[in-house]
Amino acid sequence: MSALRKGEREFVVGLDIGTSKVAALVGECDGDGRLSLIGYGSHPTNKGLRRGSVVDIESTSMAIRRAIDGASALSDCEIGSAWVGVAGDHVRSMDSQGMTGTGGREITDADVSQVIQSARAVKIPDGQQILHCEPQEFRIDGQDGIRKPQGMSGHRLEANVHIVTSAANNVQNVIKCVERCDVHVEGTILEPIAAARAVLNDDERELGVVLIDIGGGTTDVAIYTGGALRYAAVLPIAGEQITNDLSYGLTTPPAEAEKIKINHANLGTLDDREASRAIEVPGVSGRPPRRIPQETMMRIVRPRVEELLSYVQEEIRQSGYQNLVNAGVVLTGGTAQMPGFVELAEDFLQMPARLGTPQGVVGNLDALGDPANAAGIGLMLHGLEQAREQTAHGPATAHGNVLERLKGWFRDHF
């Protein structure tokens, strides 16, 4: 698949390129079809990205290389290719429809591909490219609500799809950074779609749910109802803004503000003892540290978190699905782990909420249960699904049949 070593074993790699860090995850598929996380590496981006977009190719490439090296060493794999996550506030989404004739015969996979392809023939903004075209429902001769038309008969097949676009130059820059590390990009996946793959269950997708993935530089939103993606957006506000507010408000370096946020921020109700508990705040440029009450710090953090939630609330309202998300919201990402965040979100958004931890992958690495790695694990799961589809349907994809590529690699190297 995406990483190889000697022996008849299958591997897949997810590369989560976030604003604050790059994470590389290596999964191994066992004989029962289960995916195990066997390698993990991460490295700070050192301001190589801003709000999900590459602003320094050298710095970003170096962070990718360091993350890949760490994952490669831990898994004993030579990583040659990966599935890569894409985000940024340039992401847009829209609905579209497609139609194709089927002549009254039985509908095939090729017909479904054709009708989805026709739905892609829609005008998109200049500078944007289609990243995803997600089917929602199909119609056969006017019959609505069909989810899997293969095997049914009819003359006219129609499809409703949701199209996600992103800035073409952003995607190209991300790919360029990965390829500079001698790693081939198997495909690019929108980060919230990848995260949703790892943390949402079928019931939530069916009932209606809002995924909120809060990272360092962006907050990703994906809305599912009726089992399908209905809306996607990326907001330019996240954990980095909370850290910056703390840095300015407490007059401390950003790195120290990040540590204070991680170690002391609590969005729950503080009792008198907790509110007055002293926190040491390092000074700037050799100035002596100061001690402040935790309550003072939270008077900086809480308004910024509420502002973030207000942006999410407005995005849900604009989507038009606010009355259809019966399962509420699922929060994931590193910032969502802040104590009291889920309860505050539930109260602020007036919806049931839970913290989403990655599912569908086994292993004993600490990275496995970390919501910050939801997108990376989702990338691996997506890659595994694509490999299985390619194996089942033959070499009909751009990269050909996975098994044939594996055999070719072993012929060349052993």
Protein backbone atom coordinates (compact mmCIF):
# COMPACT_ATOMS: atom_id res chain seq x y z
CA MET A 1 0.00 0.00 0.00
CA SER A 2 1.89 3.00 1.30
CA ALA A 3 4.88 1.59 3.19
CA LEU A 4 6.81 -1.59 2.61
CA ARG A 5 9.35 -3.90 4.22
CA LYS A 6 10.51 -7.41 3.53
CA GLY A 7 7.79 -10.03 3.84
CA GLU A 8 4.22 -10.48 2.60
CA ARG A 9 2.65 -7.85 4.82
CA GLU A 10 0.42 -4.88 4.07
CA PHE A 11 0.95 -1.35 5.35
CA VAL A 12 -0.75 2.02 5.01
CA VAL A 13 0.52 5.47 6.00
CA GLY A 14 -1.40 8.58 7.01
CA LEU A 15 0.34 11.97 6.99
CA ASP A 16 -1.49 14.66 8.96
CA ILE A 17 0.07 18.03 8.09
CA GLY A 18 -1.36 20.44 10.64
CA THR A 19 -0.64 24.06 11.45
CA SER A 20 1.23 23.29 14.66
CA LYS A 21 2.71 19.84 13.92
CA VAL A 22 3.10 17.09 11.35
CA ALA A 23 2.17 13.55 12.38
CA ALA A 24 3.02 10.41 10.41
CA LEU A 25 1.20 7.17 11.29
CA VAL A 26 1.97 3.69 9.98
CA GLY A 27 -0.66 0.95 10.13
CA GLU A 28 -0.25 -2.76 9.43
CA CYS A 29 -3.15 -4.89 8.21
CA ASP A 30 -3.24 -8.38 9.72
CA GLY A 31 -4.72 -11.56 8.28
CA ASP A 32 -8.14 -10.80 9.80
CA GLY A 33 -8.32 -7.40 8.11
CA ARG A 34 -7.66 -5.42 11.29
CA LEU A 35 -5.42 -2.36 11.13
CA SER A 36 -2.78 -1.99 13.85
CA LEU A 37 -0.89 1.24 14.53
CA ILE A 38 2.77 0.20 14.56
CA GLY A 39 4.55 3.49 13.88
CA TYR A 40 4.12 7.11 14.90
CA GLY A 41 6.26 10.20 14.51
CA SER A 42 5.54 13.89 14.94
CA HIS A 43 7.42 17.15 14.68
CA PRO A 44 6.47 20.84 15.13
CA THR A 45 5.97 22.72 11.88
CA ASN A 46 7.93 25.71 13.21
CA LYS A 47 5.58 28.20 11.56
CA GLY A 48 5.87 26.47 8.19
CA LEU A 49 2.06 26.57 7.90
CA ARG A 50 -0.49 29.23 8.72
CA ARG A 51 -4.13 28.26 9.14
CA GLY A 52 -3.52 25.03 7.27
CA SER A 53 -1.71 26.62 4.30
CA VAL A 54 1.99 26.26 3.52
CA VAL A 55 3.91 29.52 4.01
CA ASP A 56 7.45 28.09 4.22
CA ILE A 57 8.23 25.08 2.05
CA GLU A 58 11.64 24.41 3.61
CA SER A 59 10.35 24.42 7.18
CA THR A 60 7.30 22.32 6.30
CA SER A 61 9.37 19.79 4.35
CA MET A 62 11.79 19.45 7.25
CA ALA A 63 8.93 18.82 9.69
CA ILE A 64 7.48 16.19 7.36
CA ARG A 65 10.86 14.49 7.04
CA ARG A 66 11.37 14.39 10.81
CA ALA A 67 7.87 12.98 11.41
CA ILE A 68 8.34 10.34 8.70
CA ASP A 69 11.76 9.37 10.05
CA GLY A 70 10.28 8.87 13.52
CA ALA A 71 7.41 6.73 12.25
CA SER A 72 9.74 4.76 9.98
CA ALA A 73 12.17 3.96 12.80
CA LEU A 74 9.42 2.86 15.19
CA SER A 75 7.66 0.65 12.63
CA ASP A 76 10.81 -0.66 10.91
CA CYS A 77 9.29 0.43 7.60
CA GLU A 78 10.69 2.34 4.68
CA ILE A 79 7.92 4.83 3.92
CA GLY A 80 7.57 5.42 0.20
CA SER A 81 4.06 6.88 -0.07
CA ALA A 82 1.24 8.17 2.10
CA TRP A 83 -2.30 9.47 2.21
CA VAL A 84 -2.13 13.17 3.05
CA GLY A 85 -4.59 15.40 4.89
CA VAL A 86 -5.53 18.83 3.53
CA ALA A 87 -7.12 21.73 5.42
CA GLY A 88 -7.13 25.53 5.36
CA ASP A 89 -9.70 28.32 5.35
CA HIS A 90 -9.77 28.18 1.53
CA VAL A 91 -12.02 25.07 1.63
CA ARG A 92 -15.48 25.47 0.09
CA SER A 93 -18.37 23.06 -0.41
CA MET A 94 -21.53 22.88 -2.53
CA ASP A 95 -24.26 20.48 -3.66
CA SER A 96 -24.54 19.22 -7.22
CA GLN A 97 -26.60 16.76 -9.29
CA GLY A 98 -25.69 14.33 -12.04
CA MET A 99 -27.59 12.16 -14.50
CA THR A 100 -26.85 9.29 -16.89
CA GLY A 101 -28.93 6.95 -19.02
CA THR A 102 -28.90 3.21 -18.25
CA GLY A 103 -31.20 1.88 -20.99
CA GLY A 104 -33.42 -0.16 -18.69
CA ARG A 105 -30.68 -2.62 -17.82
CA GLU A 106 -29.13 -3.51 -14.47
CA ILE A 107 -27.10 -0.66 -13.00
CA THR A 108 -23.38 -1.34 -12.54
CA ASP A 109 -20.47 0.24 -10.68
CA ALA A 110 -19.49 1.88 -13.98
CA ASP A 111 -22.90 3.59 -14.18
CA VAL A 112 -22.51 4.92 -10.63
CA SER A 113 -19.05 6.25 -11.49
CA GLN A 114 -20.49 7.88 -14.62
CA VAL A 115 -23.31 9.66 -12.82
CA ILE A 116 -20.95 10.93 -10.12
CA GLN A 117 -18.56 12.11 -12.82
CA SER A 118 -21.40 14.04 -14.48
CA ALA A 119 -22.16 15.72 -11.14
CA ARG A 120 -18.57 16.93 -11.02
CA ALA A 121 -19.13 18.94 -14.20
CA VAL A 122 -20.10 22.05 -12.29
CA LYS A 123 -18.55 25.51 -12.32
CA ILE A 124 -16.25 26.04 -9.36
CA PRO A 125 -14.54 29.27 -8.26
CA ASP A 126 -11.34 30.28 -10.03
CA GLY A 127 -8.25 28.87 -8.39
CA GLN A 128 -10.20 26.06 -6.70
CA GLN A 129 -10.04 22.35 -7.47
CA ILE A 130 -12.39 19.52 -6.55
CA LEU A 131 -11.08 17.55 -3.60
CA HIS A 132 -14.10 15.32 -2.90
CA CYS A 133 -17.36 14.43 -4.62
CA GLU A 134 -19.37 12.58 -1.96
CA PRO A 135 -22.60 10.80 -3.02
CA GLN A 136 -25.68 11.55 -0.91
CA GLU A 137 -28.65 9.83 -2.60
CA PHE A 138 -29.50 8.32 -5.96
CA ARG A 139 -32.74 8.31 -8.01
CA ILE A 140 -33.79 5.71 -10.55
CA ASP A 141 -36.55 6.79 -12.93
CA GLY A 142 -37.74 9.32 -10.34
CA GLN A 143 -37.66 6.97 -7.34
CA ASP A 144 -35.91 8.88 -4.53
CA GLY A 145 -33.88 7.86 -1.50
CA ILE A 146 -31.78 5.11 -3.06
CA ARG A 147 -28.37 4.69 -1.44
CA LYS A 148 -26.92 1.77 -3.40
CA PRO A 149 -28.32 1.57 -6.94
CA GLN A 150 -26.03 -1.24 -8.13
CA GLY A 151 -28.04 -4.27 -9.20
CA MET A 152 -31.30 -2.32 -9.65
CA SER A 153 -32.80 -1.70 -13.08
CA GLY A 154 -33.94 1.52 -14.73
CA HIS A 155 -33.58 3.91 -17.64
CA ARG A 156 -32.38 7.07 -15.88
CA LEU A 157 -29.93 7.22 -12.96
CA GLU A 158 -29.53 10.49 -11.06
CA ALA A 159 -27.33 11.41 -8.10
CA ASN A 160 -27.17 14.12 -5.48
CA VAL A 161 -23.59 14.74 -4.39
CA HIS A 162 -21.69 17.09 -2.12
CA ILE A 163 -18.60 18.65 -3.69
CA VAL A 164 -15.70 19.93 -1.58
CA THR A 165 -13.14 22.21 -3.22
CA SER A 166 -9.87 23.67 -2.03
CA ALA A 167 -7.34 26.16 -3.34
CA ALA A 168 -5.34 24.40 -6.05
CA ASN A 169 -2.09 26.13 -5.13
CA ASN A 170 -2.44 25.06 -1.49
CA VAL A 171 -2.86 21.40 -2.41
CA GLN A 172 0.03 21.61 -4.86
CA ASN A 173 2.29 23.16 -2.21
CA VAL A 174 1.42 20.43 0.29
CA ILE A 175 2.16 17.74 -2.30
CA LYS A 176 5.43 19.47 -3.21
CA CYS A 177 6.55 19.45 0.44
CA VAL A 178 5.78 15.73 0.76
CA GLU A 179 7.48 14.81 -2.49
CA ARG A 180 10.60 16.75 -1.46
CA CYS A 181 10.89 14.06 1.24
CA ASP A 182 10.88 11.30 -1.43
CA VAL A 183 7.38 10.24 -0.45
CA HIS A 184 4.71 9.70 -3.10
CA VAL A 185 1.24 11.14 -2.36
CA GLU A 186 -1.33 8.35 -2.78
CA GLY A 187 -4.16 10.88 -2.45
CA THR A 188 -5.26 13.98 -0.58
CA ILE A 189 -8.17 13.89 1.88
CA LEU A 190 -9.92 16.80 3.57
CA GLU A 191 -8.97 16.68 7.25
CA PRO A 192 -12.52 16.76 8.71
CA ILE A 193 -13.61 13.93 6.40
CA ALA A 194 -10.61 11.90 7.55
CA ALA A 195 -11.32 12.70 11.22
CA ALA A 196 -15.00 11.79 10.76
CA ARG A 197 -13.93 8.40 9.41
CA ALA A 198 -12.10 7.73 12.67
CA VAL A 199 -14.50 9.06 15.32
CA LEU A 200 -18.10 8.94 14.06
CA ASN A 201 -20.28 5.84 14.19
CA ASP A 202 -22.99 4.83 11.74
CA ASP A 203 -25.84 5.82 14.05
CA GLU A 204 -24.52 9.35 14.38
CA ARG A 205 -24.08 9.73 10.63
CA GLU A 206 -27.63 8.50 10.14
CA LEU A 207 -29.31 10.62 12.82
CA GLY A 208 -27.35 13.75 11.97
CA VAL A 209 -24.15 14.92 13.62
CA VAL A 210 -21.68 17.79 13.55
CA LEU A 211 -18.00 16.86 13.69
CA ILE A 212 -15.84 19.66 15.14
CA ASP A 213 -12.10 19.00 14.82
CA ILE A 214 -10.20 21.71 16.70
CA GLY A 215 -6.53 21.76 15.82
CA GLY A 216 -3.78 24.31 16.19
CA GLY A 217 -4.55 26.71 13.35
CA THR A 218 -8.01 25.72 12.08
CA THR A 219 -11.30 24.32 13.30
CA ASP A 220 -12.75 21.84 10.81
CA VAL A 221 -16.51 21.27 10.61
CA ALA A 222 -18.30 18.41 8.84
CA ILE A 223 -22.05 17.76 9.00
CA TYR A 224 -23.55 14.33 8.26
CA THR A 225 -27.22 13.38 8.04
CA GLY A 226 -28.90 10.36 6.48
CA GLY A 227 -25.54 8.61 6.39
CA ALA A 228 -23.94 11.13 4.02
CA LEU A 229 -21.80 14.25 4.10
CA ARG A 230 -23.96 17.36 3.75
CA TYR A 231 -21.64 20.24 4.59
CA ALA A 232 -17.95 20.93 5.22
CA ALA A 233 -16.05 24.05 6.24
CA VAL A 234 -12.72 25.09 7.75
CA LEU A 235 -12.62 28.03 10.17
CA PRO A 236 -9.46 30.13 10.73
CA ILE A 237 -9.62 30.04 14.53
CA ALA A 238 -8.39 27.30 16.85
CA GLY A 239 -5.98 26.46 19.65
CA GLU A 240 -3.21 28.72 18.37
CA GLN A 241 -5.37 31.79 18.95
CA ILE A 242 -6.00 30.73 22.56
CA THR A 243 -2.25 30.38 23.06
CA ASN A 244 -1.58 33.80 21.50
CA ASP A 245 -4.15 35.44 23.77
CA LEU A 246 -2.47 33.88 26.79
CA SER A 247 0.95 34.97 25.57
CA TYR A 248 -0.13 38.60 25.23
CA GLY A 249 -2.38 38.66 28.25
CA LEU A 250 0.16 37.11 30.62
CA THR A 251 3.26 38.63 28.95
CA THR A 252 4.98 35.31 28.49
CA PRO A 253 6.58 33.61 25.44
CA PRO A 254 4.18 31.65 23.21
CA ALA A 255 5.90 28.35 24.04
CA GLU A 256 5.33 28.98 27.76
CA ALA A 257 1.74 30.07 27.11
CA GLU A 258 1.13 26.76 25.33
CA LYS A 259 2.44 24.84 28.34
CA ILE A 260 0.22 26.87 30.68
CA LYS A 261 -2.80 26.15 28.49
CA ILE A 262 -2.09 22.42 28.39
CA ASN A 263 -1.29 22.07 32.09
CA HIS A 264 -3.70 24.48 33.75
CA ALA A 265 -6.62 25.50 31.50
CA ASN A 266 -9.98 24.21 32.77
CA LEU A 267 -13.24 25.41 31.25
CA GLY A 268 -15.34 23.83 33.98
CA THR A 269 -16.65 25.63 37.05
CA LEU A 270 -13.80 26.35 39.48
CA ASP A 271 -14.40 26.29 43.22
CA ASP A 272 -12.81 28.98 45.40
CA ARG A 273 -9.70 26.92 46.08
CA GLU A 274 -9.13 26.12 42.40
CA ALA A 275 -9.83 29.69 41.31
CA SER A 276 -7.21 31.08 43.67
CA ARG A 277 -4.60 28.40 43.00
CA ALA A 278 -1.38 30.10 41.90
CA ILE A 279 0.18 29.41 38.49
CA GLU A 280 3.78 30.35 37.72
CA VAL A 281 4.12 32.45 34.57
CA PRO A 282 7.65 32.68 33.10
CA GLY A 283 8.80 36.17 32.12
CA VAL A 284 10.08 37.41 28.75
CA SER A 285 13.78 37.90 27.95
CA GLY A 286 15.09 36.91 31.35
CA ARG A 287 12.51 38.77 33.39
CA PRO A 288 11.56 36.99 36.63
CA PRO A 289 8.48 34.73 36.68
CA ARG A 290 5.22 35.86 38.27
CA ARG A 291 2.47 33.92 40.02
CA ILE A 292 -1.17 34.51 39.10
CA PRO A 293 -4.47 32.90 40.17
CA GLN A 294 -5.85 30.26 37.80
CA GLU A 295 -9.03 32.34 37.58
CA THR A 296 -7.05 35.17 35.97
CA MET A 297 -5.80 32.82 33.26
CA MET A 298 -9.29 31.46 32.61
CA ARG A 299 -10.65 34.99 32.15
CA ILE A 300 -8.41 35.06 29.07
CA VAL A 301 -9.05 31.53 27.80
CA ARG A 302 -12.81 31.20 28.18
CA PRO A 303 -13.85 34.21 26.02
CA ARG A 304 -11.66 32.97 23.15
CA VAL A 305 -13.15 29.46 23.37
CA GLU A 306 -16.65 30.94 23.41
CA GLU A 307 -15.75 33.02 20.35
CA LEU A 308 -14.59 29.84 18.59
CA LEU A 309 -17.87 28.12 19.47
CA SER A 310 -19.83 31.12 18.20
CA TYR A 311 -18.14 30.76 14.80
CA VAL A 312 -19.02 27.06 14.77
CA GLN A 313 -22.61 27.88 15.77
CA GLU A 314 -22.91 30.35 12.89
CA GLU A 315 -21.45 27.81 10.45
CA ILE A 316 -24.03 25.22 11.54
CA ARG A 317 -26.80 27.80 11.11
CA GLN A 318 -25.59 28.76 7.63
CA SER A 319 -25.45 25.11 6.58
CA GLY A 320 -29.22 24.82 6.96
CA TYR A 321 -28.93 21.55 8.87
CA GLN A 322 -29.14 22.90 12.43
CA ASN A 323 -32.51 21.22 13.00
CA LEU A 324 -31.39 17.87 11.56
CA VAL A 325 -28.36 17.08 13.73
CA ASN A 326 -30.21 14.93 16.25
CA ALA A 327 -27.06 13.20 17.51
CA GLY A 328 -25.50 16.55 18.44
CA VAL A 329 -21.80 17.29 18.11
CA VAL A 330 -18.63 15.23 18.35
CA LEU A 331 -15.52 17.17 19.33
CA THR A 332 -12.04 15.97 18.44
CA GLY A 333 -8.57 17.38 17.92
CA GLY A 334 -5.95 18.41 20.46
CA THR A 335 -7.71 21.54 21.74
CA ALA A 336 -10.96 19.64 22.40
CA GLN A 337 -9.20 17.71 25.19
CA MET A 338 -9.10 20.80 27.40
CA PRO A 339 -10.96 19.93 30.65
CA GLY A 340 -14.51 21.23 30.56
CA PHE A 341 -14.50 21.85 26.79
CA VAL A 342 -17.18 19.25 26.00
CA GLU A 343 -19.48 20.54 28.74
CA LEU A 344 -19.02 24.15 27.63
CA ALA A 345 -19.72 23.22 24.00
CA GLU A 346 -22.86 21.33 25.01
CA ASP A 347 -24.13 24.32 26.98
CA PHE A 348 -23.13 26.92 24.39
CA LEU A 349 -24.41 25.07 21.30
CA GLN A 350 -27.45 23.63 23.10
CA MET A 351 -26.74 20.18 21.67
CA PRO A 352 -25.54 16.90 23.19
CA ALA A 353 -21.77 16.61 22.85
CA ARG A 354 -19.06 14.02 23.35
CA LEU A 355 -15.29 13.82 22.89
CA GLY A 356 -14.40 11.74 19.85
CA THR A 357 -11.43 9.40 20.20
CA PRO A 358 -10.18 7.44 17.18
CA GLN A 359 -11.73 4.01 16.60
CA GLY A 360 -11.19 1.17 14.13
CA VAL A 361 -7.45 0.72 14.76
CA VAL A 362 -5.74 -1.44 17.39
CA GLY A 363 -2.29 -1.26 18.95
CA ASN A 364 -0.49 -0.22 22.10
CA LEU A 365 1.01 3.13 21.13
CA ASP A 366 -0.06 6.14 23.19
CA ALA A 367 -0.90 8.03 20.00
CA LEU A 368 -3.78 5.63 19.30
CA GLY A 369 -6.33 7.05 21.76
CA ASP A 370 -5.37 10.70 21.28
CA PRO A 371 -8.10 12.88 19.70
CA ALA A 372 -5.29 14.99 18.21
CA ASN A 373 -4.56 12.02 15.91
CA ALA A 374 -8.14 11.51 14.71
CA ALA A 375 -7.38 12.84 11.22
CA GLY A 376 -4.18 10.82 10.90
CA ILE A 377 -5.91 7.59 11.87
CA GLY A 378 -8.80 8.43 9.55
CA LEU A 379 -6.29 8.83 6.71
CA MET A 380 -4.99 5.32 7.37
CA LEU A 381 -8.50 3.87 7.44
CA HIS A 382 -9.35 5.65 4.18
CA GLY A 383 -6.17 4.30 2.58
CA LEU A 384 -7.03 0.77 3.67
CA GLU A 385 -10.53 1.08 2.17
CA GLN A 386 -9.13 2.36 -1.12
CA ALA A 387 -6.62 -0.49 -1.30
CA ARG A 388 -9.36 -3.05 -0.74
CA GLU A 389 -11.55 -1.47 -3.41
CA GLN A 390 -8.66 -1.49 -5.89
CA THR A 391 -7.98 -5.14 -5.10
CA ALA A 392 -11.66 -6.04 -5.52
CA HIS A 393 -12.29 -4.12 -8.74
CA GLY A 394 -8.98 -4.46 -10.54
CA PRO A 395 -6.53 -1.84 -11.82
CA ALA A 396 -9.15 0.78 -12.69
CA THR A 397 -7.57 3.54 -10.64
CA ALA A 398 -4.82 5.99 -11.44
CA HIS A 399 -2.24 4.06 -9.43
CA GLY A 400 -3.26 0.58 -10.52
CA ASN A 401 -3.90 -2.56 -8.56
CA VAL A 402 -2.29 -2.60 -5.13
CA LEU A 403 -1.29 -6.25 -5.22
CA GLU A 404 0.40 -5.83 -8.58
CA ARG A 405 2.36 -2.85 -7.27
CA LEU A 406 3.43 -4.86 -4.22
CA LYS A 407 4.57 -7.77 -6.40
CA GLY A 408 6.48 -5.41 -8.65
CA TRP A 409 8.27 -3.85 -5.72
CA PHE A 410 9.38 -7.22 -4.36
CA ARG A 411 10.55 -8.32 -7.85
CA ASP A 412 12.72 -5.19 -8.06
CA HIS A 413 14.19 -5.46 -4.56
CA PHE A 414 14.51 -9.16 -3.72
